[in-house]
Amino acid sequence: MKGLLRKCVKCGEYTLRQDKCPYCGSPVRCPHPAKFSPEDRYGKYRRMLKKALLEELKGA
């Protein structure tokens, strides 16, 4: 079952609307983290990307 609760990207208000925030009109996202799986097949690549992005920010 999908979560019904959404959080506005801009103002941080919670809503049940799926398309946009009723207060400011910004897009909304699901505030819940992704499910954890110990058998994450792509975790290695996600960590490599995060490490590369952090190194890039340090160099800038």
Protein backbone atom coordinates (compact mmCIF):
# COMPACT_ATOMS: atom_id res chain seq x y z
CA MET A 1 0.00 0.00 0.00
CA LYS A 2 1.33 3.41 -0.92
CA GLY A 3 1.53 6.09 1.71
CA LEU A 4 -1.08 8.80 1.37
CA LEU A 5 0.83 11.51 3.20
CA ARG A 6 2.85 13.99 1.12
CA LYS A 7 5.17 16.84 2.09
CA CYS A 8 5.63 20.10 0.20
CA VAL A 9 9.12 20.64 -1.22
CA LYS A 10 9.05 24.41 -0.68
CA CYS A 11 7.11 25.20 2.50
CA GLY A 12 7.35 21.83 4.28
CA GLU A 13 3.61 21.50 4.97
CA TYR A 14 2.03 18.03 4.97
CA THR A 15 -0.97 17.26 2.78
CA LEU A 16 -2.98 14.40 1.31
CA ARG A 17 -3.01 15.93 -2.18
CA GLN A 18 -0.93 14.00 -4.71
CA ASP A 19 -0.19 16.73 -7.28
CA LYS A 20 0.71 20.03 -5.56
CA CYS A 21 0.72 21.83 -2.23
CA PRO A 22 -2.64 23.48 -1.44
CA TYR A 23 -0.84 26.28 0.46
CA CYS A 24 1.88 27.44 -1.96
CA GLY A 25 1.35 25.39 -5.16
CA SER A 26 4.80 23.72 -5.12
CA PRO A 27 5.27 20.02 -5.93
CA VAL A 28 4.89 17.46 -3.15
CA ARG A 29 6.96 14.36 -2.37
CA CYS A 30 6.58 11.30 -0.21
CA PRO A 31 8.26 12.07 3.16
CA HIS A 32 9.01 8.43 3.98
CA PRO A 33 12.40 6.84 3.26
CA ALA A 34 12.70 3.90 0.88
CA LYS A 35 12.41 0.40 2.29
CA PHE A 36 15.66 -1.09 3.59
CA SER A 37 16.82 -4.35 2.09
CA PRO A 38 19.99 -6.19 3.13
CA GLU A 39 20.05 -7.66 -0.38
CA ASP A 40 20.39 -4.26 -2.07
CA ARG A 41 21.88 -5.05 -5.49
CA TYR A 42 22.60 -1.42 -6.38
CA GLY A 43 23.86 -0.16 -3.00
CA LYS A 44 27.49 -0.44 -4.12
CA TYR A 45 26.89 1.88 -7.07
CA ARG A 46 24.85 4.35 -5.00
CA ARG A 47 27.69 4.59 -2.46
CA MET A 48 30.26 5.06 -5.24
CA LEU A 49 28.19 7.89 -6.73
CA LYS A 50 27.75 9.56 -3.34
CA LYS A 51 31.49 9.33 -2.66
CA ALA A 52 32.30 10.82 -6.09
CA LEU A 53 29.85 13.69 -5.55
CA LEU A 54 31.29 14.47 -2.12
CA GLU A 55 34.84 14.47 -3.51
CA GLU A 56 33.71 16.77 -6.33
CA LEU A 57 32.20 19.21 -3.81
CA LYS A 58 35.40 19.20 -1.74
CA GLY A 59 37.46 20.03 -4.82
CA ALA A 60 35.21 22.91 -5.90
